[in-house]
C-alpha atoms as a PDB file:
ATOM      1  CA  UNK A   1       4.001 -44.017 -12.481  1.00  0.00           C
ATOM      2  CA  UNK A   2       7.219 -44.936 -14.666  1.00  0.00           C
ATOM      3  CA  UNK A   3      10.680 -44.248 -13.400  1.00  0.00           C
ATOM      4  CA  UNK A   4      10.962 -41.251 -15.914  1.00  0.00           C
ATOM      5  CA  UNK A   5       7.772 -39.797 -15.045  1.00  0.00           C
ATOM      6  CA  UNK A   6       8.704 -39.896 -11.091  1.00  0.00           C
ATOM      7  CA  UNK A   7      12.031 -38.383 -11.115  1.00  0.00           C
ATOM      8  CA  UNK A   8      10.244 -35.529 -13.308  1.00  0.00           C
ATOM      9  CA  UNK A   9       7.661 -35.197 -10.610  1.00  0.00           C
ATOM     10  CA  UNK A  10      10.832 -35.329  -7.949  1.00  0.00           C
ATOM     11  CA  UNK A  11      12.321 -32.820 -10.054  1.00  0.00           C
ATOM     12  CA  UNK A  12       9.521 -30.350  -9.984  1.00  0.00           C
ATOM     13  CA  UNK A  13       8.812 -30.575  -6.123  1.00  0.00           C
ATOM     14  CA  UNK A  14      12.566 -30.046  -5.525  1.00  0.00           C
ATOM     15  CA  UNK A  15      12.330 -26.849  -7.799  1.00  0.00           C
ATOM     16  CA  UNK A  16       9.207 -25.704  -6.002  1.00  0.00           C
ATOM     17  CA  UNK A  17      10.952 -26.042  -2.545  1.00  0.00           C
ATOM     18  CA  UNK A  18      13.967 -24.248  -3.868  1.00  0.00           C
ATOM     19  CA  UNK A  19      11.855 -21.429  -5.073  1.00  0.00           C
ATOM     20  CA  UNK A  20       9.850 -21.341  -1.848  1.00  0.00           C
ATOM     21  CA  UNK A  21      12.968 -21.411   0.514  1.00  0.00           C
ATOM     22  CA  UNK A  22      14.606 -18.346  -1.940  1.00  0.00           C
ATOM     23  CA  UNK A  23      11.259 -16.511  -1.993  1.00  0.00           C
ATOM     24  CA  UNK A  24      11.028 -16.912   1.839  1.00  0.00           C
ATOM     25  CA  UNK A  25      14.876 -15.704   2.395  1.00  0.00           C
ATOM     26  CA  UNK A  26      14.280 -12.575   0.220  1.00  0.00           C
ATOM     27  CA  UNK A  27      11.354 -11.828   2.183  1.00  0.00           C
ATOM     28  CA  UNK A  28      13.375 -12.172   5.710  1.00  0.00           C
ATOM     29  CA  UNK A  29      15.951 -10.040   4.058  1.00  0.00           C
ATOM     30  CA  UNK A  30      13.636  -7.092   3.128  1.00  0.00           C
ATOM     31  CA  UNK A  31      11.923  -7.280   6.292  1.00  0.00           C
ATOM     32  CA  UNK A  32      15.083  -6.814   8.054  1.00  0.00           C
ATOM     33  CA  UNK A  33      16.060  -4.058   5.826  1.00  0.00           C
ATOM     34  CA  UNK A  34      12.868  -2.291   6.192  1.00  0.00           C
ATOM     35  CA  UNK A  35      13.162  -2.615   9.762  1.00  0.00           C
ATOM     36  CA  UNK A  36      16.750  -1.498  10.120  1.00  0.00           C
ATOM     37  CA  UNK A  37      16.081   1.687   7.914  1.00  0.00           C
ATOM     38  CA  UNK A  38      13.375   3.281  10.176  1.00  0.00           C
ATOM     39  CA  UNK A  39      15.773   4.095  12.984  1.00  0.00           C
ATOM     40  CA  UNK A  40      18.604   6.015  10.856  1.00  0.00           C
ATOM     41  CA  UNK A  41      15.575   7.739   8.917  1.00  0.00           C
ATOM     42  CA  UNK A  42      14.293   8.904  12.377  1.00  0.00           C
ATOM     43  CA  UNK A  43      17.544  10.330  13.336  1.00  0.00           C
ATOM     44  CA  UNK A  44      17.724  12.288  10.046  1.00  0.00           C
ATOM     45  CA  UNK A  45      14.222  13.726  10.453  1.00  0.00           C
ATOM     46  CA  UNK A  46      14.972  14.935  14.268  1.00  0.00           C
ATOM     47  CA  UNK A  47      18.242  16.369  12.736  1.00  0.00           C
ATOM     48  CA  UNK A  48      16.491  18.098   9.818  1.00  0.00           C
ATOM     49  CA  UNK A  49      13.916  19.802  12.852  1.00  0.00           C
ATOM     50  CA  UNK A  50      16.705  20.425  14.971  1.00  0.00           C
ATOM     51  CA  UNK A  51      18.299  22.433  11.842  1.00  0.00           C
ATOM     52  CA  UNK A  52      15.165  24.199  11.037  1.00  0.00           C
ATOM     53  CA  UNK A  53      14.467  25.795  14.370  1.00  0.00           C
ATOM     54  CA  UNK A  54      18.161  27.400  14.389  1.00  0.00           C
ATOM     55  CA  UNK A  55      18.166  28.453  10.697  1.00  0.00           C
ATOM     56  CA  UNK A  56      16.355  31.407   9.698  1.00  0.00           C
ATOM     57  CA  UNK A  57      17.218  32.643   6.194  1.00  0.00           C
ATOM     58  CA  UNK A  58      15.040  31.906   3.043  1.00  0.00           C
ATOM     59  CA  UNK A  59      17.884  30.353   0.951  1.00  0.00           C
ATOM     60  CA  UNK A  60      18.652  27.974   4.024  1.00  0.00           C
ATOM     61  CA  UNK A  61      14.965  27.325   4.298  1.00  0.00           C
ATOM     62  CA  UNK A  62      14.652  26.298   0.598  1.00  0.00           C
ATOM     63  CA  UNK A  63      17.350  23.548   0.887  1.00  0.00           C
ATOM     64  CA  UNK A  64      15.643  22.537   4.380  1.00  0.00           C
ATOM     65  CA  UNK A  65      12.345  21.890   2.882  1.00  0.00           C
ATOM     66  CA  UNK A  66      13.894  20.088  -0.241  1.00  0.00           C
ATOM     67  CA  UNK A  67      15.565  17.935   2.170  1.00  0.00           C
ATOM     68  CA  UNK A  68      12.324  17.595   4.354  1.00  0.00           C
ATOM     69  CA  UNK A  69      10.320  16.588   0.977  1.00  0.00           C
ATOM     70  CA  UNK A  70      12.973  14.031   0.442  1.00  0.00           C
ATOM     71  CA  UNK A  71      12.941  12.690   3.777  1.00  0.00           C
ATOM     72  CA  UNK A  72       8.993  12.168   3.290  1.00  0.00           C
ATOM     73  CA  UNK A  73       9.098  10.538   0.232  1.00  0.00           C
ATOM     74  CA  UNK A  74      11.670   7.870   1.495  1.00  0.00           C
ATOM     75  CA  UNK A  75       9.449   7.218   4.660  1.00  0.00           C
ATOM     76  CA  UNK A  76       6.632   6.931   2.646  1.00  0.00           C
ATOM     77  CA  UNK A  77       8.408   4.695   0.306  1.00  0.00           C
ATOM     78  CA  UNK A  78       9.719   2.835   3.199  1.00  0.00           C
ATOM     79  CA  UNK A  79       6.019   2.234   4.688  1.00  0.00           C
ATOM     80  CA  UNK A  80       4.745   0.776   1.693  1.00  0.00           C
ATOM     81  CA  UNK A  81       7.710  -1.600   1.504  1.00  0.00           C
ATOM     82  CA  UNK A  82       7.134  -2.592   4.758  1.00  0.00           C
ATOM     83  CA  UNK A  83       3.188  -2.902   4.144  1.00  0.00           C
ATOM     84  CA  UNK A  84       3.672  -4.820   1.048  1.00  0.00           C
ATOM     85  CA  UNK A  85       6.026  -7.413   2.920  1.00  0.00           C
ATOM     86  CA  UNK A  86       3.214  -7.466   5.301  1.00  0.00           C
ATOM     87  CA  UNK A  87       0.946  -8.479   2.699  1.00  0.00           C
ATOM     88  CA  UNK A  88       3.376 -10.751   1.030  1.00  0.00           C
ATOM     89  CA  UNK A  89       3.657 -12.656   4.056  1.00  0.00           C
ATOM     90  CA  UNK A  90       0.256 -12.750   4.752  1.00  0.00           C
ATOM     91  CA  UNK A  91      -0.792 -14.013   1.145  1.00  0.00           C
ATOM     92  CA  UNK A  92       0.919 -17.403   2.132  1.00  0.00           C
ATOM     93  CA  UNK A  93      -2.127 -17.942   4.571  1.00  0.00           C
ATOM     94  CA  UNK A  94      -5.238 -16.811   2.832  1.00  0.00           C
ATOM     95  CA  UNK A  95      -8.118 -17.686   4.733  1.00  0.00           C
ATOM     96  CA  UNK A  96     -11.285 -16.476   2.981  1.00  0.00           C
ATOM     97  CA  UNK A  97     -14.221 -15.364   5.260  1.00  0.00           C
ATOM     98  CA  UNK A  98     -17.173 -13.015   5.476  1.00  0.00           C
ATOM     99  CA  UNK A  99     -15.675  -9.314   5.963  1.00  0.00           C
ATOM    100  CA  UNK A 100     -17.863  -6.430   6.294  1.00  0.00           C
ATOM    101  CA  UNK A 101     -16.759  -3.553   4.143  1.00  0.00           C
ATOM    102  CA  UNK A 102     -18.196  -0.547   6.203  1.00  0.00           C
ATOM    103  CA  UNK A 103     -15.499  -0.838   9.071  1.00  0.00           C
ATOM    104  CA  UNK A 104     -13.089  -1.265   6.239  1.00  0.00           C
ATOM    105  CA  UNK A 105     -13.941   1.701   4.392  1.00  0.00           C
ATOM    106  CA  UNK A 106     -14.222   3.512   7.406  1.00  0.00           C
ATOM    107  CA  UNK A 107     -10.852   2.924   8.817  1.00  0.00           C
ATOM    108  CA  UNK A 108      -9.115   3.364   5.093  1.00  0.00           C
ATOM    109  CA  UNK A 109     -10.885   7.057   5.351  1.00  0.00           C
ATOM    110  CA  UNK A 110      -9.354   7.714   8.584  1.00  0.00           C
ATOM    111  CA  UNK A 111      -6.030   6.916   7.523  1.00  0.00           C
ATOM    112  CA  UNK A 112      -6.225   9.006   4.808  1.00  0.00           C
ATOM    113  CA  UNK A 113      -7.742  12.046   6.311  1.00  0.00           C
ATOM    114  CA  UNK A 114      -4.647  13.767   6.755  1.00  0.00           C
ATOM    115  CA  UNK A 115      -3.145  13.576   3.501  1.00  0.00           C
ATOM    116  CA  UNK A 116      -6.752  14.416   1.822  1.00  0.00           C
ATOM    117  CA  UNK A 117      -7.279  17.323   4.050  1.00  0.00           C
ATOM    118  CA  UNK A 118      -3.736  19.073   3.314  1.00  0.00           C
ATOM    119  CA  UNK A 119      -4.698  18.916  -0.335  1.00  0.00           C
ATOM    120  CA  UNK A 120      -8.277  20.309   0.166  1.00  0.00           C
ATOM    121  CA  UNK A 121     -10.190  17.086  -1.064  1.00  0.00           C
ATOM    122  CA  UNK A 122     -13.494  15.555   0.091  1.00  0.00           C
ATOM    123  CA  UNK A 123     -12.644  11.775   0.842  1.00  0.00           C
ATOM    124  CA  UNK A 124     -15.573   9.746   1.925  1.00  0.00           C
ATOM    125  CA  UNK A 125     -17.255   6.231   1.814  1.00  0.00           C
ATOM    126  CA  UNK A 126     -20.811   5.325   0.702  1.00  0.00           C
ATOM    127  CA  UNK A 127     -22.603   3.763   3.537  1.00  0.00           C
ATOM    128  CA  UNK A 128     -23.131   0.011   3.140  1.00  0.00           C
ATOM    129  CA  UNK A 129     -23.980  -3.095   5.022  1.00  0.00           C
ATOM    130  CA  UNK A 130     -22.158  -5.497   2.434  1.00  0.00           C
ATOM    131  CA  UNK A 131     -20.263  -7.893   3.449  1.00  0.00           C
ATOM    132  CA  UNK A 132     -17.823 -10.326   0.949  1.00  0.00           C
ATOM    133  CA  UNK A 133     -15.880 -13.377   1.051  1.00  0.00           C
ATOM    134  CA  UNK A 134     -12.427 -12.600   1.006  1.00  0.00           C
ATOM    135  CA  UNK A 135      -9.183 -12.137   3.262  1.00  0.00           C
ATOM    136  CA  UNK A 136      -9.562  -9.001   5.131  1.00  0.00           C
ATOM    137  CA  UNK A 137      -5.866  -8.261   5.147  1.00  0.00           C
ATOM    138  CA  UNK A 138      -5.361  -8.677   1.761  1.00  0.00           C
ATOM    139  CA  UNK A 139      -8.470  -6.629   1.286  1.00  0.00           C
ATOM    140  CA  UNK A 140      -7.583  -3.815   3.052  1.00  0.00           C
ATOM    141  CA  UNK A 141      -3.914  -3.748   1.621  1.00  0.00           C
ATOM    142  CA  UNK A 142      -5.369  -3.427  -1.788  1.00  0.00           C
ATOM    143  CA  UNK A 143      -8.261  -0.829  -1.021  1.00  0.00           C
ATOM    144  CA  UNK A 144      -5.611   1.330   0.818  1.00  0.00           C
ATOM    145  CA  UNK A 145      -3.167   1.214  -2.224  1.00  0.00           C
ATOM    146  CA  UNK A 146      -6.057   2.275  -4.612  1.00  0.00           C
ATOM    147  CA  UNK A 147      -7.210   5.090  -1.995  1.00  0.00           C
ATOM    148  CA  UNK A 148      -3.840   6.458  -1.525  1.00  0.00           C
ATOM    149  CA  UNK A 149      -2.946   6.913  -5.211  1.00  0.00           C
ATOM    150  CA  UNK A 150      -6.740   8.100  -5.538  1.00  0.00           C
ATOM    151  CA  UNK A 151      -5.336  10.817  -3.126  1.00  0.00           C
ATOM    152  CA  UNK A 152      -2.148  11.383  -4.454  1.00  0.00           C
ATOM    153  CA  UNK A 153      -3.118  12.241  -7.991  1.00  0.00           C
ATOM    154  CA  UNK A 154      -6.177  13.983  -7.331  1.00  0.00           C
ATOM    155  CA  UNK A 155      -5.888  17.754  -7.443  1.00  0.00           C
ATOM    156  CA  UNK A 156      -6.515  20.407  -4.700  1.00  0.00           C
ATOM    157  CA  UNK A 157     -10.259  20.507  -4.332  1.00  0.00           C
ATOM    158  CA  UNK A 158     -11.165  17.143  -5.530  1.00  0.00           C
ATOM    159  CA  UNK A 159     -13.075  14.484  -4.649  1.00  0.00           C
ATOM    160  CA  UNK A 160     -12.842  10.739  -3.755  1.00  0.00           C
ATOM    161  CA  UNK A 161     -15.391   8.467  -3.138  1.00  0.00           C
ATOM    162  CA  UNK A 162     -15.021   4.703  -2.090  1.00  0.00           C
ATOM    163  CA  UNK A 163     -17.961   2.177  -2.303  1.00  0.00           C
ATOM    164  CA  UNK A 164     -19.457  -0.951  -3.851  1.00  0.00           C
ATOM    165  CA  UNK A 165     -22.586  -2.147  -6.046  1.00  0.00           C
ATOM    166  CA  UNK A 166     -23.889  -5.477  -6.182  1.00  0.00           C
ATOM    167  CA  UNK A 167     -23.564  -7.243  -9.384  1.00  0.00           C
ATOM    168  CA  UNK A 168     -25.858 -10.281  -9.283  1.00  0.00           C
ATOM    169  CA  UNK A 169     -23.949 -12.792  -6.497  1.00  0.00           C
ATOM    170  CA  UNK A 170     -21.052 -10.429  -6.766  1.00  0.00           C
ATOM    171  CA  UNK A 171     -19.832  -7.175  -5.351  1.00  0.00           C
ATOM    172  CA  UNK A 172     -17.901  -4.512  -7.075  1.00  0.00           C
ATOM    173  CA  UNK A 173     -15.814  -2.356  -4.895  1.00  0.00           C
ATOM    174  CA  UNK A 174     -14.981   1.160  -6.254  1.00  0.00           C
ATOM    175  CA  UNK A 175     -12.997   4.106  -5.743  1.00  0.00           C
ATOM    176  CA  UNK A 176     -14.066   7.183  -7.654  1.00  0.00           C
ATOM    177  CA  UNK A 177     -12.033  10.243  -8.065  1.00  0.00           C
ATOM    178  CA  UNK A 178     -11.668  13.628  -9.579  1.00  0.00           C
ATOM    179  CA  UNK A 179      -7.607  12.867 -10.146  1.00  0.00           C
ATOM    180  CA  UNK A 180      -5.820  12.536 -13.589  1.00  0.00           C
ATOM    181  CA  UNK A 181      -6.907   8.659 -13.812  1.00  0.00           C
ATOM    182  CA  UNK A 182      -4.473   5.758 -15.162  1.00  0.00           C
ATOM    183  CA  UNK A 183      -3.488   6.370 -18.865  1.00  0.00           C
ATOM    184  CA  UNK A 184      -5.158   3.414 -21.155  1.00  0.00           C
ATOM    185  CA  UNK A 185      -1.988   2.016 -21.732  1.00  0.00           C
ATOM    186  CA  UNK A 186      -0.673   1.741 -18.283  1.00  0.00           C
ATOM    187  CA  UNK A 187      -3.711  -0.194 -17.045  1.00  0.00           C
ATOM    188  CA  UNK A 188      -2.549  -3.664 -17.842  1.00  0.00           C
ATOM    189  CA  UNK A 189       0.607  -2.799 -15.822  1.00  0.00           C
ATOM    190  CA  UNK A 190      -1.096  -1.766 -12.827  1.00  0.00           C
ATOM    191  CA  UNK A 191      -3.678  -4.706 -12.776  1.00  0.00           C
END
């Protein structure tokens, strides 16, 4: 290798290390922010509950309901941020291994059961004995996001079904719902 090729290789290596350090730093900052925001959010939620017990008028209740809704959305977004950070940190050490799908499907259905029940949805997983080569944490994170969105965007009385189908040597994992779906022009952004 000539001197110019060696210099270019060294520059690429230095740039890659700097990018990784910046990425690690941003991950640490986001993790700290996510952790530090949970405590004040809990205080706000407790204060709202205290106020709700003391206010009686419907106009006061309307404002409290709006505040509760905003707090719930903020809490959900914070939980999603923390989950994304957990997945990002884990993705640096991906170790594919056999992953049984039935336990993941069952856990994700349990995790989303309250949200589904509150909307009158039927949430279920098709029984399977299948396993795939994957990373269990990342697979659960991806499927959890798909199922949360299916529950979120499916109207009252709808259905959400999780399952898989063998396609030759491959396994196709599917989340079906009776919700509004993703507009065709947005599909490329989601995937």
